[in-house]
Amino acid sequence: MENDNYVIGVDYGTDSVRSLLINARNGAEIATAVFYYPRWRDGLFCDPADNRFRQHPLDYIEGLEHTIRSCLSQAGPAVVSRVRAISVDTTGSTPVAVDETGTPLGLLPAFRDNPNALFVLWKDHTAVREAAEINTHATRFPVNYLQFVGGIYSSEWFWAKLLHVLRVDSSVRKACHSWVEHCDWIPFLLSGGRKASGIRRSVCAAGHKALWAKEFSTGKNLGGLPPDEFFASLDPLLKGFTARLYTTTYTSDQPAGTLCPEWAERLGLPTSVTIGIGAFDAHMGAVGGQIEPYHLSKVMGTSTCDMLVAPPDEVKDRLVKGICGQVPGSVIPGLMGMEAGQSAFGDAYAWFRNLLAWPLRQLVPDPDALINNILPTLSHHASAINLSADEPLALDWLNGRRTPDANQLLKGAITGINLGTDAPQLFHSIAEATCFGARAIVDRFIAEGIPVKGLIGLGGVAKKSPFIMQMMADVMDRPIRIHASEQTCALGAAMFAATAAGLYPKVEDAMAAIGQGFDTTFKPDPGRIGIYADRYQRYKTLGHFVETTTEIQNYEQVQPYPGSSV
C-alpha cells in the first residue's frame, strides 16, 4: 500500500551479513541480500590452532553497503522513499580497539594487517588466561562483580579480550583509546559519530559481557561498571579505562541517531532514517522468533545462544549460576533477559564433515558438490540407527564449554569406538552430544528455580535439520517449535527498527504485527526418551571424568603472566 512504511534489519553473523527489508505493517518480506566476508572466507587474520579468530572492519562495512543497496535495488523507488529505520544485530562479544574518533584501529594504515587491531570474534579464545585471572581476582572484593554473569567470566567476553590485546601488542595498546562492541559500532558508523565518547552502548552487550549493572552504580562509582580499582588492581594496563567507556546504556527500542549524510549518499536513503540501538544476534533473534516468558529460545547455528525472558518481579533476587548473565531489558525492555549457550553446535558438525572431506579435497578436482552432500547423507543414515546404550558417546566441547559453567579449556571427546564403528555412528554421537549439552542448560535453569515451559528453535540448524531437531525433542523430552522465519535475527532487528522509529509503541506490538509464527513442532518419540535419558547420564559421567582429569593441565595453561599482580 502506498502509505506503508518499511524498515531494514541487518544481521551480522559469523560468516556473512544479511539485510532484510520488510513492510513494517505486516512483516511482508520485500527484499533480502547476503554478503560473505571475503577476508574471513580466505582465513585472513585467523589461527584456529591458537583459537584466534579476528574479522576486519572492512568486511563489515562492505557487507553493510552491499546488502542494503541490493535490498533497495530489489524494492524500487516507491519503497525506498518510505524506509523509516535500520537496526542491526551482531555476534558477540566481538569488540575492537578504537581511537578517540571511534575509528577501529584496523581502518588506519598502520594497523590494517594487524590482527590485534581488528574485531575479536565471539569464538576467539586467546584470552583464556585473562578470564581465569578475572575469576580469581573477583573473589578478593566484598562486592561480587560476577554475580549477574553467572559467577564465571569467560574468555569470549569484553574485558578478557581487552586485557589480552593490551598485553600482547604494545602498538595497539598505545593507540587504543576505547574498546567497542561490534553491535555498538555499526549504529555509531551509520549515524556519523565522530567521538568514541559519543557511542551509545547497548545494555545487551554491556550487561552480558562487560559487567555493567545498575546495582554497581553506587557511592563514588556512578557508572554501572565495576570501579576503576577493580580493573587497575587486576592489571595496571586497565587503570583509567572505565573513564573512556560509558556510564549509560540503552535498550534496543531506543534510537542511536539518524542516518548521517555520508551513509545516506552511499545507501541512497534520506538522512531522516532512524538508526536503532544495536544488540547481539541471539537477543534480537529471540524477538524475531516471538519469544514468550519462560520459553527457551534457541538460536542454533555455528554455536547456540539460548535466551529466556521472565518478569523481574517473579525472578526477584534469584541469580542463575553458570549462565551468560541476566540483564533487565537485554532482550525485551521491561523483562529480565537470561542468556546461555554452547560454544560449538553447527561447528561440531562442520568439523566432522571437514574431517571426512579432507581426502576428497586432496584427490578430487572439484569436490564441493560431494562435500556439500556429506551432512545430509550422514543425517539420513544416522536417523536409521537402532539406538542402544552401547553406541559411541561424545562430548560437545570441541570449542570449550560456554554454559553451564564456562570453561574454554575443555576439549571434545568420543568414546566407545571399535573396529565396527562407522561414520554415521560417529556423526550420531556428535549430534547427540550437542543435544545433551542443550539439555544441561535446561537442567541448570530448572535447578536454579527458573522453569522452562517450552522450547523455540531458530536459526540455520533448526530450519535445515529435522534429524537434529527430532533428536533434540527426544533428548529434552519436550516438544520444540520451529519458527517459520528463516532469518529471525534480521527480522528481530527489523522489529526493533520499527519500534525505534516510533511505528510501534513497544517491541511486543511489533512482534505481534510482524511475527510469522511457527511452521513445525517436533514431539518426543516415546520409544527413544528412555534410552536418551540413560545415555545423558553417561554423558554427564564422561564429562565429569574429562573435566576432572584435565584440571592439572588447565591449571598450568592459565597461570598468570610473569610479573602479573594476580
Protein backbone atom coordinates (compact mmCIF):
# COMPACT_ATOMS: atom_id res chain seq x y z
CA MET A 1 0.00 0.00 0.00
CA GLU A 2 1.22 3.48 -0.82
CA ASN A 3 1.14 4.65 2.81
CA ASP A 4 3.02 1.67 4.21
CA ASN A 5 6.33 2.14 5.98
CA TYR A 6 9.39 -0.06 5.65
CA VAL A 7 12.32 -0.97 7.87
CA ILE A 8 15.62 -2.80 7.46
CA GLY A 9 17.11 -5.37 9.83
CA VAL A 10 20.82 -6.10 9.43
CA ASP A 11 22.12 -9.38 10.86
CA TYR A 12 25.89 -9.79 11.19
CA GLY A 13 26.69 -13.49 11.52
CA THR A 14 29.96 -15.34 11.81
CA ASP A 15 30.48 -15.87 8.07
CA SER A 16 28.25 -13.27 6.45
CA VAL A 17 25.94 -10.32 6.89
CA ARG A 18 22.30 -10.34 5.81
CA SER A 19 19.95 -7.39 5.33
CA LEU A 20 16.19 -7.82 5.33
CA LEU A 21 13.76 -5.16 4.09
CA ILE A 22 10.20 -5.66 5.34
CA ASN A 23 6.84 -3.94 5.39
CA ALA A 24 6.56 -2.62 8.94
CA ARG A 25 2.79 -3.03 8.93
CA ASN A 26 2.59 -6.78 8.37
CA GLY A 27 6.13 -8.15 8.16
CA ALA A 28 5.93 -8.96 4.45
CA GLU A 29 9.43 -9.58 3.12
CA ILE A 30 10.22 -7.13 0.33
CA ALA A 31 13.88 -7.98 -0.27
CA THR A 32 16.86 -9.70 1.26
CA ALA A 33 20.55 -9.88 0.44
CA VAL A 34 23.60 -11.70 1.83
CA PHE A 35 27.30 -10.78 1.70
CA TYR A 36 30.03 -13.28 2.65
CA TYR A 37 33.04 -11.65 4.26
CA PRO A 38 35.88 -12.06 1.73
CA ARG A 39 38.78 -11.70 4.18
CA TRP A 40 37.16 -14.08 6.63
CA ARG A 41 36.40 -16.56 3.85
CA ASP A 42 40.09 -16.58 2.94
CA GLY A 43 41.10 -17.27 6.53
CA LEU A 44 42.97 -13.99 6.93
CA PHE A 45 43.98 -12.84 10.42
CA CYS A 46 42.88 -16.15 11.99
CA ASP A 47 44.79 -19.05 13.51
CA PRO A 48 42.39 -21.84 14.56
CA ALA A 49 45.21 -23.81 16.19
CA ASP A 50 45.72 -20.88 18.55
CA ASN A 51 41.94 -20.26 18.89
CA ARG A 52 42.45 -16.83 17.29
CA PHE A 53 39.55 -15.57 15.20
CA ARG A 54 39.61 -11.95 14.01
CA GLN A 55 37.47 -10.07 11.48
CA HIS A 56 38.37 -6.97 9.53
CA PRO A 57 36.06 -3.92 9.79
CA LEU A 58 36.19 -3.60 6.00
CA ASP A 59 34.31 -6.91 5.73
CA TYR A 60 31.58 -5.39 7.87
CA ILE A 61 31.49 -2.05 6.01
CA GLU A 62 31.50 -3.59 2.54
CA GLY A 63 28.79 -6.05 3.57
CA LEU A 64 26.63 -3.33 5.07
CA GLU A 65 26.70 -1.22 1.93
CA HIS A 66 26.32 -4.14 -0.48
CA THR A 67 23.36 -5.81 1.23
CA ILE A 68 21.34 -2.67 1.94
CA ARG A 69 21.87 -1.29 -1.56
CA SER A 70 20.90 -4.67 -3.01
CA CYS A 71 17.68 -4.72 -0.97
CA LEU A 72 16.79 -1.19 -2.05
CA SER A 73 17.50 -2.02 -5.68
CA GLN A 74 15.16 -5.01 -5.49
CA ALA A 75 12.44 -2.99 -3.77
CA GLY A 76 12.28 0.00 -6.11
CA PRO A 77 11.93 3.78 -5.59
CA ALA A 78 8.44 3.74 -4.10
CA VAL A 79 9.60 1.57 -1.21
CA VAL A 80 12.95 3.33 -0.82
CA SER A 81 11.21 6.65 -0.21
CA ARG A 82 9.32 5.15 2.74
CA VAL A 83 12.17 3.37 4.57
CA ARG A 84 11.94 4.65 8.13
CA ALA A 85 14.63 2.86 10.14
CA ILE A 86 17.60 0.50 10.25
CA SER A 87 18.65 -1.64 13.21
CA VAL A 88 21.50 -4.14 13.47
CA ASP A 89 22.40 -7.22 15.43
CA THR A 90 25.87 -8.77 15.56
CA THR A 91 27.74 -11.67 17.06
CA GLY A 92 29.15 -11.02 20.50
CA SER A 93 31.17 -10.44 22.39
CA THR A 94 33.04 -9.13 19.31
CA PRO A 95 34.89 -5.96 20.40
CA VAL A 96 37.55 -3.80 18.72
CA ALA A 97 40.11 -1.18 19.71
CA VAL A 98 39.21 2.33 18.52
CA ASP A 99 40.92 5.72 18.62
CA GLU A 100 39.38 8.90 20.06
CA THR A 101 37.28 9.39 16.92
CA GLY A 102 35.72 5.95 17.36
CA THR A 103 37.57 4.59 14.31
CA PRO A 104 38.65 0.94 14.61
CA LEU A 105 42.43 0.79 14.50
CA GLY A 106 42.26 -1.75 11.69
CA LEU A 107 40.96 1.00 9.39
CA LEU A 108 44.15 3.03 9.91
CA PRO A 109 47.04 2.36 7.50
CA ALA A 110 49.46 1.46 10.29
CA PHE A 111 47.19 -1.30 11.62
CA ARG A 112 45.30 -2.63 8.59
CA ASP A 113 47.03 -6.03 8.70
CA ASN A 114 47.42 -6.34 12.46
CA PRO A 115 45.04 -8.98 13.90
CA ASN A 116 45.11 -7.28 17.30
CA ALA A 117 43.69 -4.11 15.75
CA LEU A 118 40.70 -5.97 14.29
CA PHE A 119 37.42 -7.18 15.75
CA VAL A 120 37.99 -10.06 18.16
CA LEU A 121 35.26 -12.50 17.14
CA TRP A 122 33.00 -14.12 19.75
CA LYS A 123 34.65 -17.51 19.32
CA ASP A 124 38.19 -16.22 19.83
CA HIS A 125 39.61 -17.93 22.94
CA THR A 126 43.06 -16.35 23.09
CA ALA A 127 42.11 -14.67 26.39
CA VAL A 128 41.67 -17.85 28.44
CA ARG A 129 44.43 -16.81 30.83
CA GLU A 130 42.93 -13.34 31.32
CA ALA A 131 39.48 -14.78 32.02
CA ALA A 132 40.96 -17.07 34.67
CA GLU A 133 42.69 -14.10 36.28
CA ILE A 134 39.45 -12.11 36.34
CA ASN A 135 37.66 -15.01 38.03
CA THR A 136 40.35 -15.30 40.71
CA HIS A 137 40.62 -11.55 41.16
CA ALA A 138 36.87 -11.12 41.65
CA THR A 139 36.93 -13.29 44.80
CA ARG A 140 39.04 -10.63 46.58
CA PHE A 141 36.35 -7.95 46.61
CA PRO A 142 33.45 -7.55 49.02
CA VAL A 143 31.11 -6.91 46.07
CA ASN A 144 30.65 -9.88 43.75
CA TYR A 145 31.09 -8.22 40.37
CA LEU A 146 30.40 -11.53 38.60
CA GLN A 147 27.02 -12.10 40.22
CA PHE A 148 24.99 -11.04 37.17
CA VAL A 149 27.02 -13.07 34.64
CA GLY A 150 26.54 -16.46 36.23
CA GLY A 151 29.54 -16.22 38.55
CA ILE A 152 32.16 -17.11 35.92
CA TYR A 153 33.80 -14.72 33.48
CA SER A 154 34.55 -16.13 30.01
CA SER A 155 37.43 -15.73 27.59
CA GLU A 156 34.79 -14.96 24.96
CA TRP A 157 33.92 -11.66 26.66
CA PHE A 158 34.77 -7.97 26.63
CA TRP A 159 37.29 -7.43 29.48
CA ALA A 160 39.29 -10.63 28.99
CA LYS A 161 39.78 -9.84 25.31
CA LEU A 162 40.73 -6.24 26.02
CA LEU A 163 43.34 -7.19 28.61
CA HIS A 164 44.82 -9.84 26.33
CA VAL A 165 45.20 -7.43 23.41
CA LEU A 166 46.71 -4.72 25.61
CA ARG A 167 49.23 -7.19 26.99
CA VAL A 168 50.40 -8.78 23.76
CA ASP A 169 50.57 -5.75 21.45
CA SER A 170 52.28 -2.56 22.59
CA SER A 171 51.45 -0.67 19.38
CA VAL A 172 47.72 -1.34 19.78
CA ARG A 173 47.98 -0.57 23.49
CA LYS A 174 49.39 2.90 22.76
CA ALA A 175 46.81 3.70 20.07
CA CYS A 176 43.73 2.21 21.78
CA HIS A 177 41.52 4.90 23.28
CA SER A 178 38.45 2.75 23.88
CA TRP A 179 37.06 -0.74 23.33
CA VAL A 180 33.77 -1.11 21.45
CA GLU A 181 31.40 -3.97 20.68
CA HIS A 182 30.52 -4.59 17.04
CA CYS A 183 26.81 -4.11 17.79
CA ASP A 184 27.52 -0.65 19.19
CA TRP A 185 29.96 0.44 16.50
CA ILE A 186 27.74 -0.12 13.43
CA PRO A 187 24.97 2.27 14.65
CA PHE A 188 27.71 4.79 15.52
CA LEU A 189 29.10 4.43 11.98
CA LEU A 190 25.70 4.83 10.29
CA SER A 191 24.77 7.84 12.38
CA GLY A 192 28.04 9.62 11.63
CA GLY A 193 29.65 9.55 15.06
CA ARG A 194 32.93 11.42 15.39
CA LYS A 195 33.95 10.77 19.00
CA ALA A 196 34.29 7.47 20.82
CA SER A 197 32.76 9.11 23.88
CA GLY A 198 29.54 9.56 21.90
CA ILE A 199 28.99 5.88 21.13
CA ARG A 200 25.67 4.74 22.57
CA ARG A 201 26.27 1.40 24.24
CA SER A 202 23.61 -1.30 24.36
CA VAL A 203 22.54 -2.73 27.70
CA CYS A 204 22.59 -6.11 25.96
CA ALA A 205 26.34 -6.08 25.35
CA ALA A 206 27.23 -4.11 28.46
CA GLY A 207 25.27 -6.28 30.85
CA HIS A 208 26.01 -9.73 29.46
CA LYS A 209 29.68 -9.29 28.57
CA ALA A 210 31.15 -6.17 30.23
CA LEU A 211 29.97 -6.49 33.87
CA TRP A 212 27.69 -3.43 33.65
CA ALA A 213 24.80 -3.42 36.12
CA LYS A 214 22.80 -0.57 37.58
CA GLU A 215 23.33 -2.16 41.00
CA PHE A 216 27.03 -1.26 40.75
CA SER A 217 26.25 2.44 40.33
CA THR A 218 26.57 3.46 43.97
CA GLY A 219 28.58 5.91 46.05
CA LYS A 220 31.58 7.24 44.18
CA ASN A 221 31.08 4.69 41.41
CA LEU A 222 28.31 6.20 39.28
CA GLY A 223 28.86 4.41 36.01
CA GLY A 224 27.40 0.93 36.47
CA LEU A 225 30.70 -0.77 35.60
CA PRO A 226 32.87 -2.13 38.42
CA PRO A 227 35.09 0.66 39.82
CA ASP A 228 38.45 1.53 38.33
CA GLU A 229 40.13 -0.01 41.37
CA PHE A 230 38.80 -3.45 40.37
CA PHE A 231 40.46 -3.30 36.95
CA ALA A 232 43.60 -1.34 37.90
CA SER A 233 44.43 -3.85 40.62
CA LEU A 234 43.89 -6.69 38.16
CA ASP A 235 46.47 -5.18 35.81
CA PRO A 236 47.77 -1.58 35.72
CA LEU A 237 47.21 -1.61 31.95
CA LEU A 238 43.48 -1.23 32.69
CA LYS A 239 43.87 1.74 35.01
CA GLY A 240 41.57 4.58 33.96
CA PHE A 241 39.96 2.56 31.19
CA THR A 242 36.43 2.69 32.58
CA ALA A 243 36.52 6.50 32.26
CA ARG A 244 36.89 6.06 28.49
CA LEU A 245 33.93 3.69 28.20
CA TYR A 246 30.41 4.64 29.35
CA THR A 247 28.09 5.35 32.24
CA THR A 248 24.75 4.97 30.46
CA THR A 249 23.34 2.06 28.45
CA TYR A 250 20.30 1.79 26.18
CA THR A 251 17.70 -0.81 25.25
CA SER A 252 17.26 -1.63 21.58
CA ASP A 253 13.88 0.06 21.27
CA GLN A 254 15.71 3.41 21.51
CA PRO A 255 17.28 5.37 18.62
CA ALA A 256 21.05 5.76 18.34
CA GLY A 257 20.58 8.67 15.94
CA THR A 258 19.66 9.21 12.31
CA LEU A 259 21.44 8.29 9.10
CA CYS A 260 24.37 10.62 8.50
CA PRO A 261 24.84 12.41 5.15
CA GLU A 262 27.78 10.21 4.10
CA TRP A 263 25.90 6.96 4.58
CA ALA A 264 22.67 8.42 3.25
CA GLU A 265 24.51 9.07 -0.02
CA ARG A 266 26.22 5.68 -0.01
CA LEU A 267 22.94 3.85 0.51
CA GLY A 268 20.57 6.12 -1.39
CA LEU A 269 18.38 6.84 1.64
CA PRO A 270 17.30 10.10 3.31
CA THR A 271 19.00 11.39 6.44
CA SER A 272 15.69 11.13 8.28
CA VAL A 273 16.07 7.34 8.58
CA THR A 274 16.27 6.32 12.26
CA ILE A 275 19.21 4.19 13.37
CA GLY A 276 18.32 1.95 16.31
CA ILE A 277 20.48 0.84 19.22
CA GLY A 278 22.15 -2.46 18.36
CA ALA A 279 22.22 -5.77 20.23
CA PHE A 280 23.56 -9.30 19.91
CA ASP A 281 22.14 -11.59 17.25
CA ALA A 282 20.55 -14.15 19.54
CA HIS A 283 18.82 -11.50 21.62
CA MET A 284 17.23 -9.86 18.60
CA GLY A 285 16.72 -13.31 17.10
CA ALA A 286 14.65 -14.30 20.12
CA VAL A 287 12.42 -11.29 19.46
CA GLY A 288 12.17 -12.17 15.77
CA GLY A 289 11.25 -15.70 16.85
CA GLN A 290 8.45 -14.39 19.10
CA ILE A 291 9.88 -15.44 22.43
CA GLU A 292 7.48 -15.84 25.36
CA PRO A 293 8.18 -15.73 29.11
CA TYR A 294 9.84 -18.95 30.31
CA HIS A 295 10.09 -20.37 26.79
CA LEU A 296 13.74 -21.05 25.94
CA SER A 297 14.57 -19.52 22.56
CA LYS A 298 17.42 -21.49 20.98
CA VAL A 299 19.27 -19.80 18.12
CA MET A 300 21.09 -22.75 16.60
CA GLY A 301 23.88 -22.05 14.15
CA THR A 302 27.65 -22.43 14.40
CA SER A 303 27.14 -22.15 18.16
CA THR A 304 23.93 -21.80 20.12
CA CYS A 305 22.66 -18.92 22.14
CA ASP A 306 19.71 -19.67 24.38
CA MET A 307 17.50 -16.82 25.56
CA LEU A 308 14.87 -16.83 28.28
CA VAL A 309 12.78 -13.87 29.44
CA ALA A 310 10.82 -13.53 32.65
CA PRO A 311 9.06 -10.78 34.61
CA PRO A 312 11.54 -9.18 37.05
CA ASP A 313 9.03 -9.29 39.90
CA GLU A 314 8.93 -13.08 39.52
CA VAL A 315 12.69 -13.54 39.20
CA LYS A 316 13.26 -11.18 42.15
CA ASP A 317 16.75 -11.69 43.60
CA ARG A 318 17.29 -15.14 42.11
CA LEU A 319 20.68 -15.39 40.35
CA VAL A 320 21.22 -18.31 37.98
CA LYS A 321 24.70 -19.77 38.33
CA GLY A 322 26.86 -20.66 35.36
CA ILE A 323 24.98 -18.86 32.57
CA CYS A 324 25.99 -15.87 30.41
CA GLY A 325 24.19 -13.38 32.55
CA GLN A 326 20.81 -11.96 33.37
CA VAL A 327 20.19 -8.38 32.33
CA PRO A 328 16.96 -6.37 32.55
CA GLY A 329 15.90 -5.24 29.09
CA SER A 330 18.60 -7.10 27.15
CA VAL A 331 16.01 -8.97 25.08
CA ILE A 332 12.67 -7.23 25.66
CA PRO A 333 12.57 -3.92 27.56
CA GLY A 334 10.80 -4.46 30.87
CA LEU A 335 11.63 -8.16 31.12
CA MET A 336 14.67 -9.90 32.59
CA GLY A 337 16.81 -11.37 29.83
CA MET A 338 18.79 -14.53 30.59
CA GLU A 339 21.41 -15.92 28.23
CA ALA A 340 23.07 -19.33 27.96
CA GLY A 341 24.51 -21.30 25.06
CA GLN A 342 27.00 -23.74 23.61
CA SER A 343 30.36 -22.75 22.12
CA ALA A 344 30.03 -25.30 19.32
CA PHE A 345 26.87 -26.66 17.72
CA GLY A 346 26.84 -26.47 13.94
CA ASP A 347 30.62 -26.02 14.18
CA ALA A 348 30.82 -29.55 15.61
CA TYR A 349 29.03 -30.97 12.57
CA ALA A 350 31.17 -28.88 10.23
CA TRP A 351 34.32 -30.19 11.93
CA PHE A 352 33.29 -33.79 11.28
CA ARG A 353 32.29 -33.00 7.69
CA ASN A 354 35.64 -31.34 7.04
CA LEU A 355 37.46 -34.27 8.62
CA LEU A 356 35.76 -36.67 6.20
CA ALA A 357 36.22 -34.26 3.31
CA TRP A 358 39.99 -33.97 3.67
CA PRO A 359 40.80 -36.84 1.26
CA LEU A 360 38.26 -35.52 -1.24
CA ARG A 361 39.95 -32.12 -1.28
CA GLN A 362 43.28 -33.81 -1.98
CA LEU A 363 42.12 -36.33 -4.58
CA VAL A 364 39.06 -34.94 -6.37
CA PRO A 365 39.40 -31.99 -8.81
CA ASP A 366 36.09 -30.34 -7.90
CA PRO A 367 34.86 -31.87 -4.62
CA ASP A 368 32.38 -29.21 -3.47
CA ALA A 369 29.23 -31.00 -4.61
CA LEU A 370 30.30 -34.17 -2.81
CA ILE A 371 31.32 -32.30 0.32
CA ASN A 372 28.03 -30.39 0.47
CA ASN A 373 26.18 -33.71 0.50
CA ILE A 374 28.13 -35.25 3.38
CA LEU A 375 25.99 -33.99 6.26
CA PRO A 376 22.60 -34.71 4.61
CA THR A 377 23.79 -38.25 3.81
CA LEU A 378 25.13 -38.80 7.32
CA SER A 379 21.89 -37.48 8.82
CA HIS A 380 19.82 -39.87 6.69
CA HIS A 381 21.79 -42.92 7.79
CA ALA A 382 22.24 -41.79 11.40
CA SER A 383 18.48 -41.38 11.79
CA ALA A 384 18.06 -45.09 10.95
CA ILE A 385 20.43 -46.32 13.69
CA ASN A 386 18.81 -48.71 16.14
CA LEU A 387 19.80 -46.72 19.20
CA SER A 388 21.24 -48.64 22.14
CA ALA A 389 23.28 -47.94 25.26
CA ASP A 390 26.42 -49.27 23.54
CA GLU A 391 26.63 -46.72 20.73
CA PRO A 392 29.67 -44.38 20.73
CA LEU A 393 29.34 -41.49 23.18
CA ALA A 394 30.75 -37.99 22.69
CA LEU A 395 31.26 -34.66 24.45
CA ASP A 396 30.34 -31.50 22.56
CA TRP A 397 33.17 -29.34 23.96
CA LEU A 398 35.10 -29.07 20.68
CA ASN A 399 35.36 -25.31 21.25
CA GLY A 400 35.23 -25.39 25.02
CA ARG A 401 32.11 -25.04 27.12
CA ARG A 402 30.10 -21.83 27.27
CA THR A 403 27.36 -22.88 29.70
CA PRO A 404 26.59 -24.16 32.17
CA ASP A 405 29.82 -23.06 33.90
CA ALA A 406 32.10 -21.55 31.26
CA ASN A 407 35.38 -23.38 30.70
CA GLN A 408 37.01 -22.70 27.34
CA LEU A 409 39.92 -25.05 28.09
CA LEU A 410 37.78 -28.16 27.88
CA LYS A 411 38.06 -30.37 24.80
CA GLY A 412 35.70 -32.67 22.98
CA ALA A 413 35.90 -36.44 23.27
CA ILE A 414 34.45 -39.57 21.69
CA THR A 415 34.45 -42.93 23.48
CA GLY A 416 33.11 -46.41 22.86
CA ILE A 417 34.64 -46.79 19.39
CA ASN A 418 35.55 -50.20 17.96
CA LEU A 419 36.51 -51.62 14.57
CA GLY A 420 32.85 -51.86 13.62
CA THR A 421 32.11 -48.17 14.25
CA ASP A 422 31.16 -46.34 11.07
CA ALA A 423 30.79 -42.70 10.07
CA PRO A 424 27.01 -42.45 10.68
CA GLN A 425 27.50 -43.78 14.22
CA LEU A 426 30.21 -41.21 14.93
CA PHE A 427 28.08 -38.44 13.49
CA HIS A 428 25.14 -39.60 15.60
CA SER A 429 27.29 -39.42 18.72
CA ILE A 430 28.42 -35.86 17.90
CA ALA A 431 24.85 -34.72 17.17
CA GLU A 432 23.63 -36.43 20.32
CA ALA A 433 26.33 -34.68 22.37
CA THR A 434 25.19 -31.26 21.16
CA CYS A 435 21.64 -32.14 22.23
CA PHE A 436 22.91 -33.36 25.60
CA GLY A 437 24.75 -30.06 26.02
CA ALA A 438 21.47 -28.29 25.30
CA ARG A 439 19.70 -30.38 27.94
CA ALA A 440 22.35 -29.49 30.52
CA ILE A 441 21.38 -25.84 30.05
CA VAL A 442 17.69 -26.56 30.60
CA ASP A 443 18.53 -28.63 33.68
CA ARG A 444 20.56 -25.74 35.11
CA PHE A 445 17.71 -23.24 34.70
CA ILE A 446 15.28 -25.62 36.39
CA ALA A 447 17.73 -26.44 39.20
CA GLU A 448 18.13 -22.70 39.87
CA GLY A 449 14.37 -22.20 40.16
CA ILE A 450 13.65 -20.86 36.65
CA PRO A 451 11.03 -23.02 34.89
CA VAL A 452 11.37 -23.85 31.21
CA LYS A 453 7.83 -24.12 29.89
CA GLY A 454 8.65 -24.60 26.22
CA LEU A 455 11.36 -24.65 23.55
CA ILE A 456 11.59 -22.48 20.44
CA GLY A 457 14.00 -23.45 17.66
CA LEU A 458 15.57 -20.73 15.48
CA GLY A 459 18.46 -20.46 13.07
CA GLY A 460 20.01 -22.49 10.30
CA VAL A 461 20.22 -25.86 12.04
CA ALA A 462 16.65 -25.61 13.32
CA LYS A 463 15.32 -24.94 9.83
CA LYS A 464 17.55 -27.32 7.87
CA SER A 465 17.99 -30.43 10.00
CA PRO A 466 14.87 -32.38 11.00
CA PHE A 467 17.24 -35.13 12.22
CA ILE A 468 18.84 -32.86 14.81
CA MET A 469 15.55 -31.29 15.86
CA GLN A 470 13.84 -34.65 16.38
CA MET A 471 16.80 -35.77 18.46
CA MET A 472 16.58 -32.52 20.43
CA ALA A 473 12.92 -33.19 21.26
CA ASP A 474 13.74 -36.78 22.26
CA VAL A 475 16.67 -35.79 24.47
CA MET A 476 14.78 -32.91 26.10
CA ASP A 477 11.60 -34.99 26.43
CA ARG A 478 9.57 -31.97 25.42
CA PRO A 479 8.30 -30.51 22.12
CA ILE A 480 10.28 -27.90 20.24
CA ARG A 481 8.50 -25.40 18.00
CA ILE A 482 10.37 -24.23 14.88
CA HIS A 483 9.76 -20.65 13.88
CA ALA A 484 8.56 -20.07 10.32
CA SER A 485 11.11 -17.37 9.52
CA GLU A 486 14.48 -18.48 8.17
CA GLN A 487 16.09 -15.24 9.33
CA THR A 488 14.73 -14.45 12.76
CA CYS A 489 17.78 -12.39 13.76
CA ALA A 490 17.35 -9.95 10.87
CA LEU A 491 13.59 -10.00 11.45
CA GLY A 492 14.08 -9.17 15.13
CA ALA A 493 16.38 -6.30 14.17
CA ALA A 494 13.65 -5.04 11.83
CA MET A 495 11.11 -5.23 14.67
CA PHE A 496 13.38 -3.11 16.84
CA ALA A 497 13.94 -0.70 13.94
CA ALA A 498 10.18 -0.21 13.65
CA THR A 499 9.94 0.41 17.39
CA ALA A 500 12.90 2.82 17.49
CA ALA A 501 11.27 4.79 14.66
CA GLY A 502 8.05 5.12 16.65
CA LEU A 503 5.97 2.94 14.33
CA TYR A 504 5.07 0.80 17.36
CA PRO A 505 4.93 1.94 21.00
CA LYS A 506 6.77 -1.16 22.22
CA VAL A 507 8.55 -4.08 20.64
CA GLU A 508 5.90 -6.58 21.77
CA ASP A 509 3.46 -4.79 19.46
CA ALA A 510 5.92 -5.10 16.58
CA MET A 511 6.34 -8.80 17.38
CA ALA A 512 2.60 -9.35 17.22
CA ALA A 513 2.18 -7.46 13.92
CA ILE A 514 5.31 -8.61 12.12
CA GLY A 515 5.90 -12.10 13.57
CA GLN A 516 5.49 -15.02 11.18
CA GLY A 517 4.52 -17.73 13.66
CA PHE A 518 5.63 -21.37 13.77
CA ASP A 519 5.51 -23.92 10.99
CA THR A 520 6.70 -27.16 12.61
CA THR A 521 6.66 -28.83 16.01
CA PHE A 522 8.89 -31.80 16.79
CA LYS A 523 7.44 -34.02 19.51
CA PRO A 524 9.39 -36.55 21.61
CA ASP A 525 9.45 -40.16 20.38
CA PRO A 526 8.31 -42.28 23.37
CA GLY A 527 10.45 -45.17 22.16
CA ARG A 528 13.67 -43.13 22.44
CA ILE A 529 13.12 -40.97 25.51
CA GLY A 530 14.29 -43.61 27.99
CA ILE A 531 17.38 -44.59 26.01
CA TYR A 532 18.45 -40.97 25.64
CA ALA A 533 17.82 -40.36 29.35
CA ASP A 534 20.21 -43.21 30.18
CA ARG A 535 22.80 -42.02 27.70
CA TYR A 536 22.52 -38.47 29.04
CA GLN A 537 23.56 -39.73 32.46
CA ARG A 538 26.54 -41.43 30.84
CA TYR A 539 27.34 -38.17 29.01
CA LYS A 540 27.45 -36.36 32.36
CA THR A 541 29.69 -39.06 33.84
CA LEU A 542 32.06 -38.84 30.88
CA GLY A 543 32.07 -35.06 31.14
CA HIS A 544 32.92 -35.18 34.83
CA PHE A 545 35.77 -37.59 34.15
CA VAL A 546 37.24 -35.49 31.33
CA GLU A 547 36.89 -32.25 33.27
CA THR A 548 38.47 -33.54 36.47
CA THR A 549 41.33 -35.38 34.75
CA THR A 550 42.34 -32.27 32.81
CA GLU A 551 42.32 -29.89 35.78
CA ILE A 552 46.10 -30.00 36.25
CA GLN A 553 46.76 -29.34 32.57
CA ASN A 554 44.27 -26.49 32.59
CA TYR A 555 45.83 -25.01 35.72
CA GLU A 556 49.19 -24.85 34.01
CA GLN A 557 47.69 -23.10 30.97
CA VAL A 558 46.04 -20.32 32.92
CA GLN A 559 48.80 -19.35 35.33
CA PRO A 560 49.32 -15.57 35.39
CA TYR A 561 51.79 -13.91 33.09
CA PRO A 562 55.24 -13.35 34.64
CA GLY A 563 55.09 -10.18 36.71
CA SER A 564 51.30 -10.14 36.89
CA SER A 565 49.83 -8.78 40.10
CA VAL A 566 47.42 -11.72 40.26
